[in-house]
Amino acid sequence: MDNPYLQVISLVERLHRQFLEVVKLELEGIGIHDINNVQAMMLFNIGDAEMTVGELTLRGCYLGSNVVGSSAFGFAPPI
């Protein structure tokens, strides 16, 4: 890969995966098994706000029903 832009994209993707692995290990370390690393990051980004799925989508917090299909978030699982 000679293109520096593509190299940066590849490194950012790798960093993101490693960060999610760290979050996963931290959740396991403190005994949280109800949510996964992606759901934990969504909750962190949402904070104390109450938002609809539309608002989550606009903020970039919600990318699809496969991520938020958990009853832990108050949403019904996808059909």
PDB file of N, CA and C in Angstrom:
ATOM      1  N   MET A   1       0.847  -1.172   0.000  1.00  0.00           N
ATOM      2  CA  MET A   1       0.000   0.000   0.000  1.00  0.00           C
ATOM      3  C   MET A   1       0.897   1.241   0.000  1.00  0.00           C
ATOM      4  N   ASP A   2       0.933   1.923  -1.119  1.00  0.00           N
ATOM      5  CA  ASP A   2       1.790   3.098  -1.235  1.00  0.00           C
ATOM      6  C   ASP A   2       1.066   4.404  -0.918  1.00  0.00           C
ATOM      7  N   ASN A   3      -0.245   4.374  -0.962  1.00  0.00           N
ATOM      8  CA  ASN A   3      -1.029   5.576  -0.741  1.00  0.00           C
ATOM      9  C   ASN A   3      -1.099   5.884   0.760  1.00  0.00           C
ATOM     10  N   PRO A   4      -0.549   7.041   1.186  1.00  0.00           N
ATOM     11  CA  PRO A   4      -0.559   7.384   2.618  1.00  0.00           C
ATOM     12  C   PRO A   4      -1.974   7.486   3.196  1.00  0.00           C
ATOM     13  N   TYR A   5      -2.925   7.950   2.387  1.00  0.00           N
ATOM     14  CA  TYR A   5      -4.309   8.065   2.849  1.00  0.00           C
ATOM     15  C   TYR A   5      -4.863   6.688   3.204  1.00  0.00           C
ATOM     16  N   LEU A   6      -4.628   5.705   2.361  1.00  0.00           N
ATOM     17  CA  LEU A   6      -5.098   4.353   2.622  1.00  0.00           C
ATOM     18  C   LEU A   6      -4.393   3.746   3.833  1.00  0.00           C
ATOM     19  N   GLN A   7      -3.137   4.097   4.025  1.00  0.00           N
ATOM     20  CA  GLN A   7      -2.412   3.618   5.201  1.00  0.00           C
ATOM     21  C   GLN A   7      -3.030   4.172   6.485  1.00  0.00           C
ATOM     22  N   VAL A   8      -3.392   5.449   6.464  1.00  0.00           N
ATOM     23  CA  VAL A   8      -4.007   6.068   7.644  1.00  0.00           C
ATOM     24  C   VAL A   8      -5.358   5.422   7.926  1.00  0.00           C
ATOM     25  N   ILE A   9      -6.147   5.196   6.880  1.00  0.00           N
ATOM     26  CA  ILE A   9      -7.449   4.547   7.073  1.00  0.00           C
ATOM     27  C   ILE A   9      -7.263   3.166   7.687  1.00  0.00           C
ATOM     28  N   SER A  10      -6.294   2.434   7.201  1.00  0.00           N
ATOM     29  CA  SER A  10      -6.028   1.099   7.731  1.00  0.00           C
ATOM     30  C   SER A  10      -5.612   1.160   9.199  1.00  0.00           C
ATOM     31  N   LEU A  11      -4.771   2.118   9.549  1.00  0.00           N
ATOM     32  CA  LEU A  11      -4.328   2.266  10.933  1.00  0.00           C
ATOM     33  C   LEU A  11      -5.472   2.687  11.856  1.00  0.00           C
ATOM     34  N   VAL A  12      -6.334   3.577  11.374  1.00  0.00           N
ATOM     35  CA  VAL A  12      -7.479   4.022  12.184  1.00  0.00           C
ATOM     36  C   VAL A  12      -8.422   2.854  12.428  1.00  0.00           C
ATOM     37  N   GLU A  13      -8.663   2.042  11.396  1.00  0.00           N
ATOM     38  CA  GLU A  13      -9.521   0.871  11.564  1.00  0.00           C
ATOM     39  C   GLU A  13      -8.929  -0.088  12.593  1.00  0.00           C
ATOM     40  N   ARG A  14      -7.635  -0.306  12.513  1.00  0.00           N
ATOM     41  CA  ARG A  14      -6.963  -1.193  13.462  1.00  0.00           C
ATOM     42  C   ARG A  14      -7.029  -0.644  14.887  1.00  0.00           C
ATOM     43  N   LEU A  15      -6.813   0.653  15.025  1.00  0.00           N
ATOM     44  CA  LEU A  15      -6.898   1.303  16.337  1.00  0.00           C
ATOM     45  C   LEU A  15      -8.303   1.174  16.916  1.00  0.00           C
ATOM     46  N   HIS A  16      -9.312   1.357  16.076  1.00  0.00           N
ATOM     47  CA  HIS A  16     -10.702   1.237  16.516  1.00  0.00           C
ATOM     48  C   HIS A  16     -10.989  -0.174  17.026  1.00  0.00           C
ATOM     49  N   ARG A  17     -10.557  -1.201  16.294  1.00  0.00           N
ATOM     50  CA  ARG A  17     -10.762  -2.582  16.719  1.00  0.00           C
ATOM     51  C   ARG A  17     -10.057  -2.863  18.041  1.00  0.00           C
ATOM     52  N   GLN A  18      -8.823  -2.342  18.178  1.00  0.00           N
ATOM     53  CA  GLN A  18      -8.078  -2.551  19.420  1.00  0.00           C
ATOM     54  C   GLN A  18      -8.743  -1.828  20.589  1.00  0.00           C
ATOM     55  N   PHE A  19      -9.281  -0.634  20.333  1.00  0.00           N
ATOM     56  CA  PHE A  19      -9.979   0.105  21.380  1.00  0.00           C
ATOM     57  C   PHE A  19     -11.210  -0.665  21.851  1.00  0.00           C
ATOM     58  N   LEU A  20     -11.986  -1.211  20.911  1.00  0.00           N
ATOM     59  CA  LEU A  20     -13.162  -1.995  21.286  1.00  0.00           C
ATOM     60  C   LEU A  20     -12.763  -3.237  22.071  1.00  0.00           C
ATOM     61  N   GLU A  21     -11.624  -3.812  21.762  1.00  0.00           N
ATOM     62  CA  GLU A  21     -11.138  -4.967  22.522  1.00  0.00           C
ATOM     63  C   GLU A  21     -10.792  -4.555  23.951  1.00  0.00           C
ATOM     64  N   VAL A  22     -10.200  -3.381  24.120  1.00  0.00           N
ATOM     65  CA  VAL A  22      -9.885  -2.871  25.462  1.00  0.00           C
ATOM     66  C   VAL A  22     -11.174  -2.651  26.251  1.00  0.00           C
ATOM     67  N   VAL A  23     -12.186  -2.065  25.604  1.00  0.00           N
ATOM     68  CA  VAL A  23     -13.471  -1.853  26.285  1.00  0.00           C
ATOM     69  C   VAL A  23     -14.062  -3.199  26.695  1.00  0.00           C
ATOM     70  N   LYS A  24     -13.998  -4.183  25.814  1.00  0.00           N
ATOM     71  CA  LYS A  24     -14.509  -5.525  26.120  1.00  0.00           C
ATOM     72  C   LYS A  24     -13.800  -6.109  27.342  1.00  0.00           C
ATOM     73  N   LEU A  25     -12.485  -6.007  27.377  1.00  0.00           N
ATOM     74  CA  LEU A  25     -11.716  -6.535  28.498  1.00  0.00           C
ATOM     75  C   LEU A  25     -12.035  -5.800  29.794  1.00  0.00           C
ATOM     76  N   GLU A  26     -12.229  -4.493  29.712  1.00  0.00           N
ATOM     77  CA  GLU A  26     -12.591  -3.711  30.904  1.00  0.00           C
ATOM     78  C   GLU A  26     -13.959  -4.119  31.427  1.00  0.00           C
ATOM     79  N   LEU A  27     -14.924  -4.307  30.520  1.00  0.00           N
ATOM     80  CA  LEU A  27     -16.259  -4.747  30.952  1.00  0.00           C
ATOM     81  C   LEU A  27     -16.184  -6.105  31.636  1.00  0.00           C
ATOM     82  N   GLU A  28     -15.438  -7.025  31.043  1.00  0.00           N
ATOM     83  CA  GLU A  28     -15.271  -8.349  31.646  1.00  0.00           C
ATOM     84  C   GLU A  28     -14.581  -8.243  32.998  1.00  0.00           C
ATOM     85  N   GLY A  29     -13.587  -7.359  33.089  1.00  0.00           N
ATOM     86  CA  GLY A  29     -12.824  -7.199  34.324  1.00  0.00           C
ATOM     87  C   GLY A  29     -13.649  -6.703  35.490  1.00  0.00           C
ATOM     88  N   ILE A  30     -14.666  -5.892  35.200  1.00  0.00           N
ATOM     89  CA  ILE A  30     -15.511  -5.386  36.291  1.00  0.00           C
ATOM     90  C   ILE A  30     -16.817  -6.165  36.403  1.00  0.00           C
ATOM     91  N   GLY A  31     -16.897  -7.267  35.669  1.00  0.00           N
ATOM     92  CA  GLY A  31     -18.028  -8.181  35.823  1.00  0.00           C
ATOM     93  C   GLY A  31     -19.302  -7.774  35.116  1.00  0.00           C
ATOM     94  N   ILE A  32     -19.206  -6.946  34.096  1.00  0.00           N
ATOM     95  CA  ILE A  32     -20.394  -6.564  33.328  1.00  0.00           C
ATOM     96  C   ILE A  32     -20.513  -7.500  32.129  1.00  0.00           C
ATOM     97  N   HIS A  33     -21.597  -8.275  32.112  1.00  0.00           N
ATOM     98  CA  HIS A  33     -21.816  -9.233  31.028  1.00  0.00           C
ATOM     99  C   HIS A  33     -23.139  -8.991  30.314  1.00  0.00           C
ATOM    100  N   ASP A  34     -23.891  -7.970  30.756  1.00  0.00           N
ATOM    101  CA  ASP A  34     -25.211  -7.693  30.182  1.00  0.00           C
ATOM    102  C   ASP A  34     -25.131  -6.998  28.829  1.00  0.00           C
ATOM    103  N   ILE A  35     -24.056  -6.252  28.598  1.00  0.00           N
ATOM    104  CA  ILE A  35     -23.907  -5.514  27.350  1.00  0.00           C
ATOM    105  C   ILE A  35     -22.537  -5.809  26.760  1.00  0.00           C
ATOM    106  N   ASN A  36     -22.413  -5.593  25.453  1.00  0.00           N
ATOM    107  CA  ASN A  36     -21.116  -5.799  24.813  1.00  0.00           C
ATOM    108  C   ASN A  36     -20.382  -4.466  24.671  1.00  0.00           C
ATOM    109  N   ASN A  37     -19.202  -4.512  24.084  1.00  0.00           N
ATOM    110  CA  ASN A  37     -18.367  -3.320  23.981  1.00  0.00           C
ATOM    111  C   ASN A  37     -18.998  -2.223  23.119  1.00  0.00           C
ATOM    112  N   VAL A  38     -19.644  -2.597  22.031  1.00  0.00           N
ATOM    113  CA  VAL A  38     -20.275  -1.606  21.156  1.00  0.00           C
ATOM    114  C   VAL A  38     -21.452  -0.949  21.874  1.00  0.00           C
ATOM    115  N   GLN A  39     -22.253  -1.738  22.565  1.00  0.00           N
ATOM    116  CA  GLN A  39     -23.370  -1.178  23.316  1.00  0.00           C
ATOM    117  C   GLN A  39     -22.883  -0.255  24.426  1.00  0.00           C
ATOM    118  N   ALA A  40     -21.778  -0.616  25.075  1.00  0.00           N
ATOM    119  CA  ALA A  40     -21.209   0.238  26.121  1.00  0.00           C
ATOM    120  C   ALA A  40     -20.785   1.582  25.553  1.00  0.00           C
ATOM    121  N   MET A  41     -20.187   1.587  24.379  1.00  0.00           N
ATOM    122  CA  MET A  41     -19.772   2.847  23.762  1.00  0.00           C
ATOM    123  C   MET A  41     -20.979   3.679  23.351  1.00  0.00           C
ATOM    124  N   MET A  42     -22.044   3.011  22.908  1.00  0.00           N
ATOM    125  CA  MET A  42     -23.266   3.741  22.577  1.00  0.00           C
ATOM    126  C   MET A  42     -23.844   4.413  23.817  1.00  0.00           C
ATOM    127  N   LEU A  43     -23.879   3.673  24.927  1.00  0.00           N
ATOM    128  CA  LEU A  43     -24.382   4.251  26.170  1.00  0.00           C
ATOM    129  C   LEU A  43     -23.518   5.413  26.633  1.00  0.00           C
ATOM    130  N   PHE A  44     -22.213   5.279  26.477  1.00  0.00           N
ATOM    131  CA  PHE A  44     -21.296   6.361  26.847  1.00  0.00           C
ATOM    132  C   PHE A  44     -21.589   7.609  26.015  1.00  0.00           C
ATOM    133  N   ASN A  45     -21.786   7.419  24.708  1.00  0.00           N
ATOM    134  CA  ASN A  45     -22.055   8.559  23.825  1.00  0.00           C
ATOM    135  C   ASN A  45     -23.413   9.187  24.078  1.00  0.00           C
ATOM    136  N   ILE A  46     -24.391   8.383  24.461  1.00  0.00           N
ATOM    137  CA  ILE A  46     -25.729   8.901  24.735  1.00  0.00           C
ATOM    138  C   ILE A  46     -25.749   9.655  26.058  1.00  0.00           C
ATOM    139  N   GLY A  47     -25.051   9.132  27.044  1.00  0.00           N
ATOM    140  CA  GLY A  47     -25.020   9.779  28.362  1.00  0.00           C
ATOM    141  C   GLY A  47     -26.368   9.703  29.045  1.00  0.00           C
ATOM    142  N   ASP A  48     -26.798  10.799  29.641  1.00  0.00           N
ATOM    143  CA  ASP A  48     -28.072  10.855  30.359  1.00  0.00           C
ATOM    144  C   ASP A  48     -29.236  11.279  29.470  1.00  0.00           C
ATOM    145  N   ALA A  49     -28.959  11.529  28.196  1.00  0.00           N
ATOM    146  CA  ALA A  49     -30.006  12.008  27.291  1.00  0.00           C
ATOM    147  C   ALA A  49     -31.022  10.915  26.985  1.00  0.00           C
ATOM    148  N   GLU A  50     -32.242  11.336  26.742  1.00  0.00           N
ATOM    149  CA  GLU A  50     -33.280  10.431  26.270  1.00  0.00           C
ATOM    150  C   GLU A  50     -33.527  10.776  24.815  1.00  0.00           C
ATOM    151  N   MET A  51     -33.277   9.803  23.923  1.00  0.00           N
ATOM    152  CA  MET A  51     -33.389  10.070  22.495  1.00  0.00           C
ATOM    153  C   MET A  51     -34.183   8.986  21.798  1.00  0.00           C
ATOM    154  N   THR A  52     -34.787   9.392  20.698  1.00  0.00           N
ATOM    155  CA  THR A  52     -35.460   8.424  19.839  1.00  0.00           C
ATOM    156  C   THR A  52     -34.421   7.770  18.938  1.00  0.00           C
ATOM    157  N   VAL A  53     -34.817   6.710  18.253  1.00  0.00           N
ATOM    158  CA  VAL A  53     -33.906   6.057  17.310  1.00  0.00           C
ATOM    159  C   VAL A  53     -33.509   7.038  16.216  1.00  0.00           C
ATOM    160  N   GLY A  54     -34.443   7.890  15.792  1.00  0.00           N
ATOM    161  CA  GLY A  54     -34.130   8.901  14.772  1.00  0.00           C
ATOM    162  C   GLY A  54     -33.039   9.854  15.233  1.00  0.00           C
ATOM    163  N   GLU A  55     -33.133  10.301  16.485  1.00  0.00           N
ATOM    164  CA  GLU A  55     -32.105  11.194  17.029  1.00  0.00           C
ATOM    165  C   GLU A  55     -30.761  10.477  17.158  1.00  0.00           C
ATOM    166  N   LEU A  56     -30.798   9.204  17.566  1.00  0.00           N
ATOM    167  CA  LEU A  56     -29.566   8.430  17.658  1.00  0.00           C
ATOM    168  C   LEU A  56     -28.914   8.292  16.290  1.00  0.00           C
ATOM    169  N   THR A  57     -29.734   8.073  15.267  1.00  0.00           N
ATOM    170  CA  THR A  57     -29.218   7.934  13.913  1.00  0.00           C
ATOM    171  C   THR A  57     -28.563   9.231  13.463  1.00  0.00           C
ATOM    172  N   LEU A  58     -29.221  10.352  13.714  1.00  0.00           N
ATOM    173  CA  LEU A  58     -28.670  11.648  13.313  1.00  0.00           C
ATOM    174  C   LEU A  58     -27.347  11.947  14.007  1.00  0.00           C
ATOM    175  N   ARG A  59     -27.224  11.551  15.274  1.00  0.00           N
ATOM    176  CA  ARG A  59     -25.988  11.786  16.027  1.00  0.00           C
ATOM    177  C   ARG A  59     -24.902  10.781  15.685  1.00  0.00           C
ATOM    178  N   GLY A  60     -25.248   9.752  14.909  1.00  0.00           N
ATOM    179  CA  GLY A  60     -24.261   8.747  14.549  1.00  0.00           C
ATOM    180  C   GLY A  60     -24.059   7.691  15.618  1.00  0.00           C
ATOM    181  N   CYS A  61     -24.950   7.626  16.601  1.00  0.00           N
ATOM    182  CA  CYS A  61     -24.832   6.646  17.685  1.00  0.00           C
ATOM    183  C   CYS A  61     -25.490   5.327  17.330  1.00  0.00           C
ATOM    184  N   TYR A  62     -26.385   5.353  16.381  1.00  0.00           N
ATOM    185  CA  TYR A  62     -27.184   4.169  16.059  1.00  0.00           C
ATOM    186  C   TYR A  62     -26.964   3.824  14.599  1.00  0.00           C
ATOM    187  N   LEU A  63     -26.467   2.630  14.333  1.00  0.00           N
ATOM    188  CA  LEU A  63     -26.144   2.249  12.964  1.00  0.00           C
ATOM    189  C   LEU A  63     -27.020   1.140  12.422  1.00  0.00           C
ATOM    190  N   GLY A  64     -27.843   0.547  13.262  1.00  0.00           N
ATOM    191  CA  GLY A  64     -28.719  -0.515  12.779  1.00  0.00           C
ATOM    192  C   GLY A  64     -29.312  -1.299  13.921  1.00  0.00           C
ATOM    193  N   SER A  65     -30.365  -2.028  13.628  1.00  0.00           N
ATOM    194  CA  SER A  65     -31.075  -2.747  14.679  1.00  0.00           C
ATOM    195  C   SER A  65     -30.277  -3.904  15.242  1.00  0.00           C
ATOM    196  N   ASN A  66     -29.254  -4.384  14.514  1.00  0.00           N
ATOM    197  CA  ASN A  66     -28.469  -5.496  15.044  1.00  0.00           C
ATOM    198  C   ASN A  66     -27.624  -5.076  16.244  1.00  0.00           C
ATOM    199  N   VAL A  67     -27.309  -3.806  16.374  1.00  0.00           N
ATOM    200  CA  VAL A  67     -26.513  -3.330  17.502  1.00  0.00           C
ATOM    201  C   VAL A  67     -27.396  -3.078  18.715  1.00  0.00           C
ATOM    202  N   VAL A  68     -28.608  -2.574  18.506  1.00  0.00           N
ATOM    203  CA  VAL A  68     -29.466  -2.183  19.602  1.00  0.00           C
ATOM    204  C   VAL A  68     -30.679  -3.103  19.678  1.00  0.00           C
ATOM    205  N   GLY A  69     -30.486  -4.372  19.512  1.00  0.00           N
ATOM    206  CA  GLY A  69     -31.581  -5.307  19.613  1.00  0.00           C
ATOM    207  C   GLY A  69     -31.757  -5.829  21.016  1.00  0.00           C
ATOM    208  N   SER A  70     -31.131  -5.211  21.976  1.00  0.00           N
ATOM    209  CA  SER A  70     -31.141  -5.717  23.342  1.00  0.00           C
ATOM    210  C   SER A  70     -32.225  -5.049  24.160  1.00  0.00           C
ATOM    211  N   SER A  71     -32.883  -5.818  24.999  1.00  0.00           N
ATOM    212  CA  SER A  71     -33.876  -5.254  25.878  1.00  0.00           C
ATOM    213  C   SER A  71     -33.229  -4.381  26.953  1.00  0.00           C
ATOM    214  N   ALA A  72     -31.910  -4.476  27.109  1.00  0.00           N
ATOM    215  CA  ALA A  72     -31.201  -3.627  28.074  1.00  0.00           C
ATOM    216  C   ALA A  72     -31.331  -2.155  27.699  1.00  0.00           C
ATOM    217  N   PHE A  73     -31.634  -1.879  26.430  1.00  0.00           N
ATOM    218  CA  PHE A  73     -31.773  -0.496  25.978  1.00  0.00           C
ATOM    219  C   PHE A  73     -33.235  -0.067  25.927  1.00  0.00           C
ATOM    220  N   GLY A  74     -34.146  -0.960  26.257  1.00  0.00           N
ATOM    221  CA  GLY A  74     -35.547  -0.612  26.215  1.00  0.00           C
ATOM    222  C   GLY A  74     -36.156  -0.752  24.844  1.00  0.00           C
ATOM    223  N   PHE A  75     -35.447  -1.331  23.887  1.00  0.00           N
ATOM    224  CA  PHE A  75     -35.977  -1.539  22.557  1.00  0.00           C
ATOM    225  C   PHE A  75     -36.327  -3.001  22.387  1.00  0.00           C
ATOM    226  N   ALA A  76     -37.351  -3.260  21.626  1.00  0.00           N
ATOM    227  CA  ALA A  76     -37.699  -4.645  21.325  1.00  0.00           C
ATOM    228  C   ALA A  76     -36.704  -5.204  20.320  1.00  0.00           C
ATOM    229  N   PRO A  77     -36.388  -6.479  20.410  1.00  0.00           N
ATOM    230  CA  PRO A  77     -35.486  -7.080  19.437  1.00  0.00           C
ATOM    231  C   PRO A  77     -36.069  -7.006  18.040  1.00  0.00           C
ATOM    232  N   PRO A  78     -35.205  -6.936  17.012  1.00  0.00           N
ATOM    233  CA  PRO A  78     -35.712  -6.871  15.638  1.00  0.00           C
ATOM    234  C   PRO A  78     -36.458  -8.162  15.279  1.00  0.00           C
ATOM    235  N   ILE A  79     -37.439  -8.009  14.410  1.00  0.00           N
ATOM    236  CA  ILE A  79     -38.251  -9.162  13.983  1.00  0.00           C
ATOM    237  C   ILE A  79     -37.635  -9.786  12.752  1.00  0.00           C
TER     238      ILE A  79
END
